[in-house]
Protein backbone atom coordinates (compact mmCIF):
# COMPACT_ATOMS: atom_id res chain seq x y z
CA MET A 1 186.63 145.32 35.38
CA ALA A 2 185.43 146.23 31.90
CA ASP A 3 187.87 146.45 29.00
CA ASN A 4 187.64 147.61 25.39
CA GLY A 5 188.41 144.16 24.04
CA GLU A 6 192.08 144.67 23.23
CA ALA A 7 193.25 142.12 25.81
CA ALA A 8 190.74 139.58 24.54
CA LYS A 9 191.72 140.21 20.93
CA LYS A 10 195.34 139.38 21.72
CA HIS A 11 194.62 136.14 23.58
CA ILE A 12 191.68 134.61 21.68
CA LYS A 13 193.09 132.11 19.21
CA HIS A 14 189.88 130.47 17.99
CA ILE A 15 186.62 131.99 16.73
CA VAL A 16 183.79 129.48 16.33
CA VAL A 17 180.50 130.40 14.64
CA LEU A 18 177.38 128.22 14.72
CA MET A 19 174.62 129.73 12.59
CA MET A 20 171.13 128.35 13.07
CA GLU A 21 168.00 129.02 11.02
CA ASN A 22 164.86 131.13 10.89
CA ARG A 23 163.79 132.24 14.38
CA SER A 24 163.31 135.72 15.83
CA PHE A 25 164.69 137.13 19.08
CA ASP A 26 161.31 137.33 20.81
CA HIS A 27 160.53 133.77 19.70
CA MET A 28 163.70 132.19 21.16
CA LEU A 29 165.22 134.66 23.65
CA GLY A 30 162.41 137.05 24.51
CA HIS A 31 161.56 134.84 27.50
CA LEU A 32 164.76 135.92 29.27
CA SER A 33 162.95 139.06 30.46
CA LEU A 34 160.07 137.08 31.96
CA PRO A 35 160.11 135.92 35.61
CA PRO A 36 161.44 132.44 36.44
CA ASP A 37 157.95 131.05 37.14
CA GLU A 38 157.13 131.85 33.49
CA GLY A 39 160.24 130.14 32.13
CA GLY A 40 162.47 133.24 32.10
CA LEU A 41 165.41 134.69 33.99
CA GLY A 42 163.85 137.98 35.08
CA ARG A 43 166.45 139.86 33.01
CA LYS A 44 165.16 143.44 32.86
CA ASP A 45 168.43 144.56 31.25
CA ILE A 46 167.45 142.64 28.10
CA GLU A 47 164.81 144.03 25.72
CA GLY A 48 162.73 140.89 25.60
CA ILE A 49 159.07 140.17 26.35
CA ASP A 50 157.88 142.38 29.21
CA ASP A 51 154.35 140.93 29.18
CA PRO A 52 153.04 138.64 26.40
CA ASP A 53 149.69 140.44 26.43
CA ASN A 54 151.44 143.71 25.53
CA HIS A 55 152.52 142.32 22.15
CA VAL A 56 149.68 141.85 19.64
CA ASN A 57 149.02 141.55 15.93
CA PRO A 58 145.63 141.80 14.19
CA ASN A 59 144.00 138.77 12.57
CA ARG A 60 141.95 140.00 9.61
CA GLU A 61 140.15 136.62 9.38
CA SER A 62 138.72 136.68 12.88
CA GLY A 63 138.79 140.44 13.45
CA LYS A 64 140.56 139.83 16.75
CA ASP A 65 144.01 140.68 18.00
CA VAL A 66 146.45 137.83 18.60
CA SER A 67 148.76 138.13 21.60
CA LEU A 68 152.15 136.54 22.06
CA HIS A 69 151.73 133.11 23.60
CA ARG A 70 154.04 130.41 24.83
CA LEU A 71 154.66 127.15 22.97
CA ARG A 72 155.52 123.99 24.89
CA ASP A 73 155.43 121.55 21.97
CA THR A 74 158.86 121.74 20.33
CA ARG A 75 157.41 120.30 17.10
CA ARG A 76 154.37 122.56 16.96
CA VAL A 77 155.31 124.68 13.92
CA LYS A 78 154.46 122.48 10.94
CA ILE A 79 154.47 125.02 8.08
CA ASP A 80 157.32 127.27 7.05
CA MET A 81 156.61 130.89 7.94
CA PRO A 82 156.75 133.51 5.15
CA HIS A 83 160.12 135.27 4.95
CA SER A 84 160.82 136.37 1.37
CA ALA A 85 161.94 139.98 0.93
CA GLU A 86 158.45 141.14 0.00
CA GLU A 87 156.83 139.18 2.83
CA VAL A 88 159.24 140.50 5.46
CA GLU A 89 158.70 144.09 4.34
CA TRP A 90 154.95 143.53 4.73
CA GLN A 91 155.44 142.03 8.20
CA ILE A 92 157.44 145.06 9.31
CA ASN A 93 155.28 147.73 7.67
CA PRO A 94 151.96 146.29 6.42
CA THR A 95 150.05 149.54 5.84
CA GLY A 96 152.75 152.15 5.30
CA SER A 97 151.68 153.84 8.53
CA SER A 98 154.14 154.46 11.34
CA ASN A 99 151.37 153.36 13.72
CA ASP A 100 151.34 149.81 12.34
CA MET A 101 155.00 148.87 12.51
CA CYS A 102 155.64 145.15 13.14
CA GLN A 103 151.90 144.46 12.81
CA GLY A 104 151.86 142.25 9.72
CA PHE A 105 153.13 138.90 11.01
CA VAL A 106 149.80 137.15 11.56
CA ASN A 107 148.12 138.29 8.36
CA GLN A 108 151.20 137.48 6.30
CA TYR A 109 151.17 133.96 7.72
CA ILE A 110 147.46 133.60 6.90
CA SER A 111 148.26 134.47 3.26
CA LYS A 112 151.04 131.90 3.20
CA VAL A 113 148.98 129.01 4.54
CA ARG A 114 146.06 129.92 2.26
CA GLU A 115 148.39 129.67 -0.74
CA ALA A 116 149.50 126.25 0.51
CA GLY A 117 145.88 125.14 0.75
CA GLU A 118 146.15 124.78 4.51
CA ASP A 119 143.80 125.82 7.29
CA ALA A 120 144.67 129.23 8.72
CA GLN A 121 143.32 128.43 12.17
CA GLU A 122 146.85 128.24 13.58
CA ALA A 123 147.99 131.55 12.15
CA ASP A 124 148.64 132.62 15.72
CA LEU A 125 151.88 130.58 15.57
CA ALA A 126 153.50 133.70 14.13
CA MET A 127 152.90 135.22 17.58
CA SER A 128 154.60 132.51 19.64
CA TYR A 129 157.65 132.09 21.82
CA TYR A 130 159.52 129.38 23.68
CA ALA A 131 160.85 129.52 27.24
CA PHE A 132 162.72 127.30 29.69
CA PRO A 133 162.83 124.30 29.74
CA GLU A 134 161.96 123.96 26.03
CA VAL A 135 164.93 126.17 25.10
CA TRP A 136 167.17 124.94 27.91
CA ALA A 137 170.44 125.29 25.98
CA LEU A 138 169.77 128.90 25.00
CA THR A 139 168.70 129.79 28.53
CA GLY A 140 171.75 128.14 30.08
CA LEU A 141 174.09 129.77 27.60
CA ALA A 142 172.56 133.19 28.24
CA LYS A 143 173.34 132.87 31.95
CA GLN A 144 177.08 132.64 31.36
CA SER A 145 177.53 134.65 28.17
CA THR A 146 176.65 137.94 26.46
CA VAL A 147 173.22 138.29 24.87
CA CYS A 148 173.07 140.71 21.93
CA ASP A 149 169.55 142.11 22.05
CA HIS A 150 169.82 144.55 19.13
CA TRP A 151 171.31 142.29 16.45
CA PHE A 152 169.29 142.45 13.24
CA SER A 153 169.25 140.45 10.04
CA SER A 154 171.35 142.31 7.52
CA LEU A 155 168.38 142.78 5.21
CA PRO A 156 164.67 141.96 5.14
CA GLY A 157 164.70 138.67 3.31
CA PRO A 158 165.46 134.94 3.38
CA THR A 159 168.37 132.76 4.40
CA GLN A 160 171.00 132.99 1.69
CA PRO A 161 171.52 136.77 1.38
CA ASN A 162 171.71 137.04 5.16
CA ARG A 163 174.18 134.17 5.39
CA MET A 164 176.25 135.72 2.62
CA THR A 165 176.46 138.93 4.63
CA ALA A 166 177.70 136.93 7.61
CA LEU A 167 180.28 135.19 5.41
CA ALA A 168 181.31 138.12 3.23
CA GLY A 169 179.98 141.34 4.73
CA THR A 170 177.71 141.83 1.72
CA SER A 171 175.00 140.13 -0.33
CA ASN A 172 175.90 142.18 -3.42
CA HIS A 173 172.49 143.90 -3.08
CA GLU A 174 170.71 140.58 -3.68
CA ASN A 175 167.70 139.95 -1.43
CA LYS A 176 166.61 136.54 -2.73
CA ASN A 177 167.91 132.99 -2.50
CA ILE A 178 170.02 131.85 -5.45
CA PHE A 179 170.06 128.35 -6.92
CA PRO A 180 172.15 126.70 -9.67
CA PRO A 181 173.18 127.28 -12.29
CA LYS A 182 173.63 130.69 -10.70
CA LEU A 183 175.85 130.81 -7.60
CA TRP A 184 176.96 133.55 -5.21
CA ASN A 185 179.95 135.55 -6.42
CA VAL A 186 181.22 137.08 -3.18
CA THR A 187 184.61 137.37 -1.52
CA THR A 188 184.10 135.57 1.77
CA LEU A 189 186.01 136.06 5.01
CA PHE A 190 187.81 132.82 4.13
CA GLU A 191 189.51 134.35 1.10
CA TYR A 192 190.84 137.06 3.41
CA LEU A 193 192.07 134.37 5.80
CA ASP A 194 193.74 132.43 2.99
CA GLN A 195 195.65 135.58 2.04
CA ALA A 196 196.88 135.86 5.63
CA LYS A 197 197.58 132.10 5.87
CA VAL A 198 195.14 131.73 8.76
CA GLU A 199 193.76 128.20 9.15
CA TRP A 200 189.99 127.78 8.84
CA ARG A 201 187.44 125.04 8.39
CA ALA A 202 183.71 124.84 7.65
CA TYR A 203 181.85 121.88 9.13
CA SER A 204 178.58 120.52 7.75
CA HIS A 205 176.03 117.89 8.66
CA ASP A 206 174.50 117.43 5.22
CA VAL A 207 175.33 120.16 2.69
CA SER A 208 177.48 123.14 3.61
CA SER A 209 176.08 126.61 2.93
CA LEU A 210 179.46 127.43 1.37
CA ARG A 211 178.55 125.17 -1.57
CA TYR A 212 176.33 127.99 -2.83
CA ILE A 213 179.43 130.16 -3.44
CA TYR A 214 181.46 129.89 -6.65
CA SER A 215 184.80 129.63 -4.85
CA HIS A 216 183.64 126.90 -2.48
CA VAL A 217 181.53 124.47 -4.53
CA ILE A 218 184.38 122.05 -4.00
CA SER A 219 186.71 123.04 -1.18
CA PRO A 220 189.26 121.09 0.89
CA HIS A 221 188.30 123.27 3.87
CA ILE A 222 184.75 121.87 4.15
CA GLU A 223 184.56 118.80 6.37
CA LYS A 224 181.93 116.73 8.15
CA ILE A 225 180.77 117.73 11.65
CA SER A 226 182.31 114.60 13.20
CA ILE A 227 185.76 115.99 12.40
CA PHE A 228 184.94 119.15 14.36
CA TYR A 229 184.08 117.14 17.46
CA ASP A 230 187.26 115.09 17.05
CA ARG A 231 189.44 118.20 16.74
CA ALA A 232 187.71 119.92 19.64
CA GLN A 233 188.33 116.91 21.85
CA ARG A 234 192.01 116.92 20.90
CA GLY A 235 192.30 120.69 21.42
CA ASN A 236 193.29 121.14 17.79
CA LEU A 237 190.69 123.50 16.32
CA PRO A 238 191.60 125.86 13.47
CA HIS A 239 191.73 129.60 14.05
CA VAL A 240 188.29 130.07 12.50
CA THR A 241 185.47 127.52 12.50
CA TRP A 242 182.13 127.87 10.72
CA ILE A 243 179.45 125.29 11.60
CA ASP A 244 176.26 124.68 9.64
CA PRO A 245 173.45 122.62 11.16
CA ASN A 246 171.68 119.81 9.34
CA PHE A 247 169.36 121.78 7.07
CA ARG A 248 167.48 118.92 5.36
CA ALA A 249 165.02 121.57 4.14
CA VAL A 250 165.48 121.23 0.38
CA TYR A 251 162.33 121.91 -1.58
CA GLU A 252 161.23 120.13 -4.73
CA GLU A 253 161.90 123.12 -6.96
CA VAL A 254 165.58 123.11 -5.99
CA GLU A 255 166.07 119.35 -6.18
CA ASP A 256 168.67 119.80 -8.92
CA SER A 257 170.70 122.13 -6.72
CA GLN A 258 170.58 119.56 -3.92
CA LYS A 259 171.95 116.96 -6.33
CA LEU A 260 174.75 119.34 -7.36
CA PHE A 261 175.83 120.10 -3.83
CA GLN A 262 175.53 116.50 -2.68
CA TRP A 263 177.70 115.56 -5.65
CA ALA A 264 180.29 118.07 -4.46
CA GLU A 265 180.15 116.64 -0.92
CA ASP A 266 180.42 113.04 -2.12
CA THR A 267 183.18 113.82 -4.63
CA TYR A 268 185.38 115.48 -2.05
CA ASP A 269 184.69 112.79 0.54
CA GLU A 270 185.72 110.16 -1.99
CA ILE A 271 188.92 112.04 -2.87
CA VAL A 272 190.08 112.34 0.73
CA GLY A 273 188.89 108.87 1.66
CA ASN A 274 186.39 109.67 4.38
CA ARG A 275 183.20 108.96 2.48
CA SER A 276 182.09 106.08 4.65
CA ASP A 277 183.49 107.44 7.89
CA HIS A 278 181.45 110.61 8.24
CA ARG A 279 177.98 109.91 6.95
CA VAL A 280 175.23 111.56 8.95
CA ASP A 281 171.52 111.05 9.49
CA LEU A 282 170.03 113.22 6.77
CA GLU A 283 166.59 112.88 8.35
CA THR A 284 167.65 114.67 11.54
CA ASP A 285 167.04 118.36 10.96
CA ASN A 286 168.60 120.26 13.85
CA SER A 287 168.69 123.67 12.15
CA ASP A 288 165.56 125.09 13.88
CA HIS A 289 164.11 125.84 10.43
CA PRO A 290 160.38 125.04 10.53
CA ASP A 291 159.22 122.29 10.56
CA ALA A 292 162.23 121.08 12.54
CA ASP A 293 161.87 119.97 16.14
CA ILE A 294 163.68 122.69 18.10
CA ALA A 295 164.61 120.08 20.72
CA ARG A 296 167.21 118.86 18.23
CA GLY A 297 168.52 122.40 17.81
CA GLN A 298 168.98 122.68 21.59
CA GLU A 299 170.95 119.45 21.58
CA LEU A 300 173.18 120.70 18.75
CA ILE A 301 173.89 124.01 20.51
CA ALA A 302 174.77 122.19 23.73
CA ARG A 303 176.95 119.62 21.98
CA VAL A 304 178.98 122.23 20.12
CA TYR A 305 179.40 124.44 23.19
CA ASN A 306 180.29 121.54 25.47
CA ALA A 307 182.83 120.32 22.91
CA LEU A 308 184.60 123.68 23.11
CA LEU A 309 184.86 123.31 26.89
CA GLU A 310 186.63 119.95 26.58
CA ASN A 311 190.07 121.51 26.15
CA ASP A 312 189.29 125.14 26.94
CA PRO A 313 186.98 124.97 29.99
CA LYS A 314 187.35 128.68 30.77
CA LEU A 315 187.17 129.71 27.07
CA GLU A 316 190.40 131.64 27.53
CA GLU A 317 191.38 131.11 23.90
CA THR A 318 187.93 130.84 22.32
CA LEU A 319 185.19 133.19 21.14
CA PHE A 320 181.95 131.34 20.40
CA ILE A 321 179.23 133.10 18.38
CA LEU A 322 175.80 131.48 18.26
CA ALA A 323 173.68 133.17 15.60
CA TYR A 324 170.43 132.80 13.67
CA ASP A 325 170.49 133.90 10.04
CA GLU A 326 167.02 135.49 9.91
CA HIS A 327 163.71 135.54 11.76
CA GLY A 328 161.84 133.05 9.58
CA GLY A 329 158.53 134.93 9.80
CA PHE A 330 158.17 134.92 13.59
CA TYR A 331 157.12 138.08 15.42
CA ASP A 332 159.57 140.47 17.02
CA HIS A 333 158.52 143.76 18.58
CA VAL A 334 161.63 145.90 17.93
CA ILE A 335 161.38 148.01 14.77
CA PRO A 336 164.53 147.34 12.71
CA PRO A 337 166.88 150.24 11.90
CA GLY A 338 166.11 152.21 8.76
CA TRP A 339 162.32 151.79 9.00
CA GLU A 340 159.65 154.31 9.85
CA SER A 341 159.56 155.05 13.60
CA ALA A 342 162.74 153.04 14.28
CA ASP A 343 165.20 154.42 16.81
CA PRO A 344 167.59 156.54 14.68
CA ALA A 345 170.43 155.81 17.11
CA LEU A 346 170.39 152.16 15.99
CA SER A 347 171.06 153.14 12.37
CA GLU A 348 173.86 155.46 13.45
CA GLN A 349 175.48 152.68 15.48
CA LEU A 350 175.50 150.60 12.30
CA GLY A 351 177.14 153.38 10.31
CA TYR A 352 174.00 154.67 8.59
CA SER A 353 171.76 157.70 8.98
CA GLY A 354 168.47 158.93 7.59
CA GLY A 355 167.11 155.44 6.93
CA SER A 356 169.65 154.84 4.15
CA HIS A 357 169.62 151.09 4.77
CA LYS A 358 166.71 148.94 5.93
CA PHE A 359 167.68 146.04 8.14
CA GLY A 360 165.72 142.86 8.73
CA VAL A 361 163.98 141.58 11.86
CA ARG A 362 165.88 141.12 15.14
CA VAL A 363 167.45 137.68 15.62
CA PRO A 364 168.89 135.70 18.56
CA ILE A 365 172.65 136.08 19.08
CA ILE A 366 174.73 134.94 22.05
CA VAL A 367 178.50 135.48 22.33
CA ALA A 368 180.54 133.41 24.80
CA SER A 369 184.13 133.73 26.00
CA GLY A 370 186.02 133.75 29.27
CA TRP A 371 186.91 137.34 28.40
CA LEU A 372 183.26 138.43 28.57
CA GLU A 373 181.28 139.15 31.71
CA SER A 374 178.88 136.27 32.34
CA GLY A 375 175.22 137.28 32.13
CA SER A 376 175.96 140.54 30.34
CA VAL A 377 174.04 142.17 27.50
CA CYS A 378 175.16 144.03 24.38
CA GLN A 379 172.62 146.68 23.37
CA HIS A 380 174.72 148.10 20.53
CA ALA A 381 173.04 147.66 17.14
CA LEU A 382 174.71 144.97 15.03
CA ASP A 383 174.07 142.87 11.96
CA HIS A 384 175.67 139.77 10.45
CA ALA A 385 178.53 141.69 8.84
CA ALA A 386 179.88 142.06 12.38
CA ILE A 387 180.87 138.38 12.25
CA THR A 388 183.11 138.84 9.23
CA LYS A 389 184.55 142.07 10.61
CA THR A 390 185.27 140.54 14.02
CA VAL A 391 187.21 137.69 12.40
CA LEU A 392 189.15 139.96 10.06
CA ASN A 393 190.05 142.43 12.79
CA ARG A 394 191.32 139.63 15.03
CA PHE A 395 193.73 138.09 12.55
CA SER A 396 196.37 140.19 10.82
CA LEU A 397 195.85 140.73 7.11
CA GLY A 398 198.38 141.83 4.53
CA GLU A 399 198.02 145.03 2.55
CA ASP A 400 197.23 142.97 -0.54
CA SER A 401 194.08 141.50 1.03
CA PRO A 402 190.85 142.01 -0.97
CA GLU A 403 189.12 145.36 -0.69
CA ARG A 404 186.31 145.32 1.85
CA PRO A 405 182.76 146.05 0.65
CA ASP A 406 181.10 149.29 1.77
CA HIS A 407 178.71 147.62 4.21
CA LEU A 408 181.54 145.74 5.89
CA ALA A 409 183.52 148.95 6.20
CA ARG A 410 180.59 150.71 7.93
CA VAL A 411 179.48 148.31 10.63
CA PRO A 412 181.24 147.76 13.97
CA ASP A 413 182.88 144.55 15.10
CA LEU A 414 182.36 142.77 18.42
CA TRP A 415 185.61 144.14 19.82
CA THR A 416 184.03 147.58 19.62
CA ALA A 417 180.35 146.83 20.16
CA LEU A 418 180.83 144.74 23.30
CA GLU A 419 182.83 147.41 25.09
CA GLY A 420 181.67 147.29 28.68
CA SER A 421 181.32 143.51 28.58
CA TRP A 422 184.97 142.64 27.86
CA ARG A 423 187.15 141.78 30.86
CA GLU A 424 190.77 142.83 31.42
CA LYS A 425 191.62 139.21 32.23
CA PRO A 426 189.67 135.98 31.74
CA GLN A 427 187.40 134.57 34.41
CA ASP A 428 188.85 132.25 37.04
CA GLU A 429 186.15 129.56 37.09
CA PRO A 430 185.40 127.08 34.29
CA PHE A 431 182.10 127.37 32.46
CA GLN A 432 179.21 125.09 33.30
CA ARG A 433 178.41 122.51 30.65
CA LEU A 434 174.93 122.80 29.17
CA ARG A 435 172.77 119.93 30.38
CA LYS A 436 169.18 119.13 29.51
CA PRO A 437 167.04 119.34 32.65
CA LYS A 438 165.30 116.19 33.77
CA PRO A 439 161.51 116.56 33.65
CA GLY A 440 159.51 116.39 36.87
CA LYS A 441 156.56 114.07 37.21
CA THR A 442 154.07 116.60 35.87
CA ALA A 443 156.29 117.55 32.94
CA LEU A 444 156.99 113.89 32.23
CA ARG A 445 153.27 113.12 32.08
CA GLU A 446 152.76 116.03 29.68
CA GLU A 447 155.71 114.86 27.59
CA MET A 448 154.37 111.30 27.36
CA GLY A 449 150.88 112.56 26.56
CA ASP A 450 152.29 114.71 23.77
CA LEU A 451 154.30 111.76 22.45
CA ILE A 452 151.18 109.58 22.33
CA ARG A 453 149.15 112.35 20.66
CA ARG A 454 151.78 112.82 17.94
CA ALA A 455 151.99 109.07 17.40
CA LEU A 456 148.22 108.81 16.92
CA GLU A 457 148.20 111.80 14.56
CA GLY A 458 150.96 110.15 12.54
CA GLY A 459 149.18 106.80 12.40
CA THR A 460 151.70 105.06 14.64
CA PRO A 461 150.20 102.30 16.82
CA VAL A 462 150.51 103.26 20.49
CA GLU A 463 151.78 99.80 21.40
CA ARG A 464 154.91 100.48 19.35
CA LEU A 465 155.95 103.43 21.54
């Protein structure tokens, strides 16, 4: 029986957030609406991909329309898609006409690869999606959790301002990434938690995203990911856990900032004596940020989720939020709130009216707990500020806690937005662990053929495979 979330709010003791990178909803979860023989779940309650041929973008180079198409090579995307504030606005509304909404993804990608001196023949990658079994962890998680199919990036723009909105409920009206010597000056959800003496930790693989914030350049609350797995196994997680993947995507122009943040990581590790105990493979990018192999991202999602089930197999005390910070330049067909021709009800659900705030492209979000109906969907409009608000409204805060920014005050939390999916009591059966499917003979042949092709392209002798 459905509940308004009050029972869950009282019993959930741990909120765990894993925020991945740079993929759109259609690209990673749109397949859920497709039939099983096309790698989907046949979920018509989810606003995903009804028919790939129904979703097109023009290619000004060829003069032909490009339809959505399925990718099977998890390493296929080699070049970072455009996703600056200006580029995202062009993707959403390339001509200023309400008839061309969400029609600029392909041409924006062509411009990006031209600037990089690359061949634009694969510009159709902007119009691509994955399905099962390539995204096996996402598909498996969707079966037993709540998919949020109207969750939008907080603003049209890149990673950092969207992550700041998830961490603080605001980006202070900044829509660009910030690098040292300038850092983000925001009051994060963790300052609120410190005021209320609520235990929290942030776990990183390489460099924590919290290092970009003044108050967290050096913080005793940031630890290596191995400590998360250890605490999960012992059933000793903090009340709030934030997990960053292994980004590894640090560009030459921000090399100095990488040195600064690595210095902070190394300094703290040396102080607490775990410098040699928790080193990680910095070459293993599992963030899903192009050009990462999304197979590694699936393994990370499964490992984190399965770790939570070790001591809480029914997730009676845990709320797990899997999120992506922004769309990374990949196509999505839903017009974001605040834009021309967007559904005005979506803006109203987010506390806005009359297009007073333009949100970014729709992103994949899955919420899991034993207090949620398995296989449910949340169609309420949400953005990343809902993460901060959900945490703050779960744990009691004193009257002297910092004042909440306007955007955070407007948007709903998950306790409200998921009404209809919350249960009055937790489910009886334990959750199924996420397991990578074993390939059949045909799939195995394709996988080996792809491995050999990549090896040859990379100059690796086949005999070394």
